[in-house]
Amino acid sequence: MSLAAAFDLVLPVRCAGCPAPAVRPDVPLCAPCARVVLAETARPLGGVLHAPGAAGEIPVVAAAAYGGAVGAVLRSLKDDDRPDTLDLLGAVLAGALDLARELVGPPGGRTAVIPVPASARSRRRRGRAVVPDLARAAVGAVGTRERFVVVDGLRHRGGAADQRELSAEARRVNVAGVLTPTPRLRSVTGGCLLVDDVATTGATLTEGVRALAEGGVDVHGVALLCATP
């Protein structure tokens, strides 16, 4: 028996959605949470983003509501250092990407997926850039890599405060101008899908649309893992 297997017997892997043990070390959910995740993602949330300078309304698709099981798994990735959830969350996000792509009309080639970048402070705290990692996991999921390509077309300048306790207007002011296009954006022809993990007020998404327009790229749709009601 391997050392890892021995530890699994003594200390079973906890479910990423609740305190129960996971089904197996390679399946980061218990059976009840897995059923809830499937039920949540069978009913994706839809909406539109009104961003200054955008050519009309931008379709938004969220795989699930933030208050449910998917949100709990996402928090375990971000706050409890659970990289074993990336494949699961990537598969969930892949569904939102596909639906967003259908809403805007699939192009002839692969659709550019541009993740909202992490700030340097966030990368230090969590040890990873969560949204770019999620985007790559989604595009690497079975059946999606032929339809999408991840492009790191945005960079975080820094300087924004933590958003969690801010009002909607304060969030808008806080993130204004914090994103800037990167040279990799030149590889994108036509439009793109903007990707984020959670949307609350839409302030970060609006800033992403602005920064991409600065780089000459239009956002045709938004795909999210979760959205708050």
Protein backbone atom coordinates (compact mmCIF):
# COMPACT_ATOMS: atom_id res chain seq x y z
CA MET A 1 0.00 0.00 0.00
CA SER A 2 1.29 3.46 -0.90
CA LEU A 3 1.82 6.13 1.74
CA ALA A 4 -0.94 8.26 0.13
CA ALA A 5 -3.38 5.33 0.28
CA ALA A 6 -2.50 4.76 3.93
CA PHE A 7 -3.23 8.38 4.77
CA ASP A 8 -6.58 8.10 2.93
CA LEU A 9 -7.55 5.25 5.25
CA VAL A 10 -6.63 7.18 8.37
CA LEU A 11 -7.67 10.64 7.22
CA PRO A 12 -10.34 10.34 4.49
CA VAL A 13 -10.58 13.24 2.05
CA ARG A 14 -13.32 15.63 3.15
CA CYS A 15 -16.05 16.56 0.70
CA ALA A 16 -15.39 19.99 -0.83
CA GLY A 17 -19.03 20.97 -0.34
CA CYS A 18 -19.71 19.81 3.23
CA PRO A 19 -17.95 18.18 6.23
CA ALA A 20 -18.76 14.61 5.07
CA PRO A 21 -16.11 12.29 3.61
CA ALA A 22 -15.68 12.41 -0.16
CA VAL A 23 -16.70 9.45 -2.30
CA ARG A 24 -13.05 8.65 -3.11
CA PRO A 25 -9.78 10.56 -2.87
CA ASP A 26 -10.06 11.38 -6.60
CA VAL A 27 -13.73 12.50 -6.30
CA PRO A 28 -13.85 15.64 -4.14
CA LEU A 29 -17.57 15.40 -3.26
CA CYS A 30 -19.78 13.17 -1.18
CA ALA A 31 -22.67 11.51 -3.01
CA PRO A 32 -25.38 13.94 -1.78
CA CYS A 33 -23.32 17.03 -2.76
CA ALA A 34 -22.58 15.49 -6.15
CA ARG A 35 -26.33 15.11 -6.75
CA VAL A 36 -26.94 18.73 -5.70
CA VAL A 37 -24.20 20.01 -8.03
CA LEU A 38 -25.77 18.11 -10.94
CA ALA A 39 -29.20 19.54 -10.10
CA GLU A 40 -27.88 23.10 -9.78
CA THR A 41 -25.95 23.05 -13.05
CA ALA A 42 -28.91 21.60 -14.96
CA ARG A 43 -30.54 25.03 -14.59
CA PRO A 44 -27.92 27.64 -15.54
CA LEU A 45 -28.66 31.28 -14.78
CA GLY A 46 -28.95 33.76 -17.62
CA GLY A 47 -28.84 37.55 -17.85
CA VAL A 48 -27.29 40.46 -19.68
CA LEU A 49 -24.51 42.91 -18.92
CA HIS A 50 -24.95 46.59 -19.76
CA ALA A 51 -21.38 47.86 -20.13
CA PRO A 52 -20.51 51.40 -21.23
CA GLY A 53 -19.14 51.35 -24.76
CA ALA A 54 -20.37 47.84 -25.51
CA ALA A 55 -22.35 47.31 -28.70
CA GLY A 56 -25.64 46.44 -27.01
CA GLU A 57 -26.38 43.97 -24.25
CA ILE A 58 -23.83 41.23 -23.56
CA PRO A 59 -25.32 37.79 -22.77
CA VAL A 60 -24.22 36.36 -19.41
CA VAL A 61 -24.42 32.69 -18.44
CA ALA A 62 -23.69 31.43 -14.91
CA ALA A 63 -23.46 27.71 -14.27
CA ALA A 64 -25.05 28.01 -10.81
CA ALA A 65 -26.01 30.33 -7.98
CA TYR A 66 -23.21 31.24 -5.58
CA GLY A 67 -25.21 30.26 -2.49
CA GLY A 68 -25.44 26.59 -3.44
CA ALA A 69 -23.16 23.58 -3.62
CA VAL A 70 -21.09 24.87 -6.55
CA GLY A 71 -20.36 28.04 -4.58
CA ALA A 72 -19.30 25.94 -1.60
CA VAL A 73 -16.88 23.95 -3.76
CA LEU A 74 -15.49 27.17 -5.22
CA ARG A 75 -14.90 28.55 -1.73
CA SER A 76 -13.05 25.36 -0.83
CA LEU A 77 -10.73 25.91 -3.82
CA LYS A 78 -10.12 29.56 -2.98
CA ASP A 79 -10.00 29.48 0.81
CA ASP A 80 -9.17 25.89 1.82
CA ASP A 81 -6.45 25.11 -0.74
CA ARG A 82 -8.36 22.36 -2.56
CA PRO A 83 -6.78 22.15 -6.04
CA ASP A 84 -8.39 18.69 -6.35
CA THR A 85 -11.64 20.54 -7.15
CA LEU A 86 -10.28 22.22 -10.28
CA ASP A 87 -11.29 19.46 -12.71
CA LEU A 88 -14.81 19.34 -11.28
CA LEU A 89 -15.26 23.11 -11.36
CA GLY A 90 -13.71 23.27 -14.81
CA ALA A 91 -16.28 20.79 -16.12
CA VAL A 92 -19.05 22.92 -14.57
CA LEU A 93 -17.66 26.10 -16.15
CA ALA A 94 -17.35 24.31 -19.51
CA GLY A 95 -21.14 24.01 -19.59
CA ALA A 96 -21.52 27.78 -19.14
CA LEU A 97 -18.92 28.39 -21.87
CA ASP A 98 -20.79 26.19 -24.32
CA LEU A 99 -24.11 27.87 -23.61
CA ALA A 100 -22.62 31.37 -23.87
CA ARG A 101 -21.04 30.40 -27.19
CA GLU A 102 -24.39 29.16 -28.49
CA LEU A 103 -26.11 32.40 -27.47
CA VAL A 104 -23.69 34.59 -29.43
CA GLY A 105 -23.46 32.25 -32.41
CA PRO A 106 -20.47 29.92 -32.80
CA PRO A 107 -17.69 31.26 -35.05
CA GLY A 108 -15.91 29.21 -37.66
CA GLY A 109 -12.83 28.56 -35.51
CA ARG A 110 -12.10 28.31 -31.82
CA THR A 111 -13.60 30.96 -29.55
CA ALA A 112 -11.15 33.04 -27.49
CA VAL A 113 -11.76 32.72 -23.75
CA ILE A 114 -10.27 35.55 -21.73
CA PRO A 115 -10.18 35.06 -17.94
CA VAL A 116 -10.36 37.93 -15.48
CA PRO A 117 -6.79 38.06 -14.10
CA ALA A 118 -5.86 37.75 -10.44
CA SER A 119 -4.21 40.56 -8.57
CA ALA A 120 -0.71 39.97 -7.21
CA ARG A 121 -2.14 40.06 -3.68
CA SER A 122 -4.70 37.37 -4.52
CA ARG A 123 -2.06 35.13 -6.13
CA ARG A 124 0.14 35.42 -3.04
CA ARG A 125 -2.72 34.64 -0.67
CA ARG A 126 -4.11 31.66 -2.59
CA GLY A 127 -0.99 30.43 -4.32
CA ARG A 128 -2.73 30.47 -7.72
CA ALA A 129 -4.62 32.65 -10.19
CA VAL A 130 -8.05 31.13 -9.62
CA VAL A 131 -9.98 32.31 -12.70
CA PRO A 132 -7.23 31.58 -15.25
CA ASP A 133 -6.80 28.13 -13.65
CA LEU A 134 -10.56 27.53 -13.88
CA ALA A 135 -10.63 28.68 -17.52
CA ARG A 136 -7.85 26.27 -18.43
CA ALA A 137 -9.56 23.43 -16.59
CA ALA A 138 -12.79 24.19 -18.47
CA VAL A 139 -11.13 24.34 -21.88
CA GLY A 140 -9.19 21.19 -21.05
CA ALA A 141 -12.38 19.29 -20.21
CA VAL A 142 -13.51 16.54 -22.55
CA GLY A 143 -14.94 17.92 -25.78
CA THR A 144 -14.22 21.61 -25.22
CA ARG A 145 -10.62 22.13 -26.36
CA GLU A 146 -11.67 21.99 -30.03
CA ARG A 147 -14.08 24.89 -29.49
CA PHE A 148 -12.14 27.25 -27.19
CA VAL A 149 -8.68 28.65 -26.62
CA VAL A 150 -7.63 30.50 -23.45
CA VAL A 151 -5.87 33.80 -24.06
CA ASP A 152 -4.36 35.75 -21.15
CA GLY A 153 -5.41 39.02 -22.71
CA LEU A 154 -5.78 41.04 -19.51
CA ARG A 155 -3.40 42.04 -16.73
CA HIS A 156 -4.22 43.37 -13.25
CA ARG A 157 -2.49 46.67 -12.47
CA GLY A 158 -3.11 46.32 -8.74
CA GLY A 159 -4.36 48.96 -6.34
CA ALA A 160 -7.94 47.73 -5.88
CA ALA A 161 -9.23 47.09 -2.37
CA ASP A 162 -11.02 43.93 -1.27
CA GLN A 163 -14.51 44.06 -2.80
CA ARG A 164 -16.42 41.94 -0.29
CA GLU A 165 -17.66 44.71 2.01
CA LEU A 166 -18.17 47.39 -0.66
CA SER A 167 -21.44 48.67 -2.07
CA ALA A 168 -22.23 48.34 -5.77
CA GLU A 169 -21.13 51.90 -6.52
CA ALA A 170 -18.01 51.55 -4.40
CA ARG A 171 -17.11 48.37 -6.27
CA ARG A 172 -17.45 50.16 -9.59
CA VAL A 173 -15.13 52.94 -8.44
CA ASN A 174 -12.73 50.46 -6.82
CA VAL A 175 -12.07 48.46 -10.00
CA ALA A 176 -12.18 51.29 -12.51
CA GLY A 177 -8.95 51.19 -14.54
CA VAL A 178 -7.37 48.22 -12.72
CA LEU A 179 -7.31 45.98 -15.81
CA THR A 180 -5.21 46.56 -18.91
CA PRO A 181 -4.75 44.60 -22.15
CA THR A 182 -1.66 42.46 -22.69
CA PRO A 183 0.27 41.89 -25.93
CA ARG A 184 -1.31 38.41 -26.16
CA LEU A 185 -4.60 40.09 -27.00
CA ARG A 186 -3.26 40.75 -30.50
CA SER A 187 -3.81 37.07 -31.29
CA VAL A 188 -7.58 37.47 -30.88
CA THR A 189 -9.49 38.20 -34.06
CA GLY A 190 -13.16 39.02 -33.74
CA GLY A 191 -14.81 38.84 -30.34
CA CYS A 192 -14.28 36.78 -27.20
CA LEU A 193 -15.95 35.33 -24.15
CA LEU A 194 -14.99 36.94 -20.84
CA VAL A 195 -14.77 34.48 -17.92
CA ASP A 196 -14.94 35.05 -14.16
CA ASP A 197 -15.62 32.85 -11.15
CA VAL A 198 -18.32 34.90 -9.38
CA ALA A 199 -20.31 37.98 -10.36
CA THR A 200 -22.07 40.08 -7.74
CA THR A 201 -22.67 43.57 -9.11
CA GLY A 202 -20.97 43.19 -12.50
CA ALA A 203 -18.36 45.86 -11.73
CA THR A 204 -15.38 43.63 -12.53
CA LEU A 205 -17.03 42.36 -15.72
CA THR A 206 -17.72 45.92 -16.84
CA GLU A 207 -14.08 46.81 -16.23
CA GLY A 208 -13.02 43.75 -18.23
CA VAL A 209 -15.20 44.81 -21.16
CA ARG A 210 -13.66 48.29 -21.03
CA ALA A 211 -10.07 47.02 -20.92
CA LEU A 212 -10.65 44.57 -23.78
CA ALA A 213 -12.23 47.30 -25.88
CA GLU A 214 -9.10 49.37 -25.19
CA GLY A 215 -7.16 46.50 -26.74
CA GLY A 216 -9.47 46.35 -29.76
CA VAL A 217 -11.46 43.24 -28.79
CA ASP A 218 -15.22 43.10 -28.26
CA VAL A 219 -16.78 40.89 -25.59
CA HIS A 220 -19.56 38.88 -27.21
CA GLY A 221 -20.57 36.96 -24.08
CA VAL A 222 -19.71 36.26 -20.44
CA ALA A 223 -19.41 32.83 -18.79
CA LEU A 224 -19.39 32.51 -15.00
CA LEU A 225 -19.06 29.66 -12.57
CA CYS A 226 -21.48 31.34 -10.12
CA ALA A 227 -23.59 34.45 -9.83
CA THR A 228 -25.17 35.93 -6.72
CA PRO A 229 -28.97 36.31 -6.85
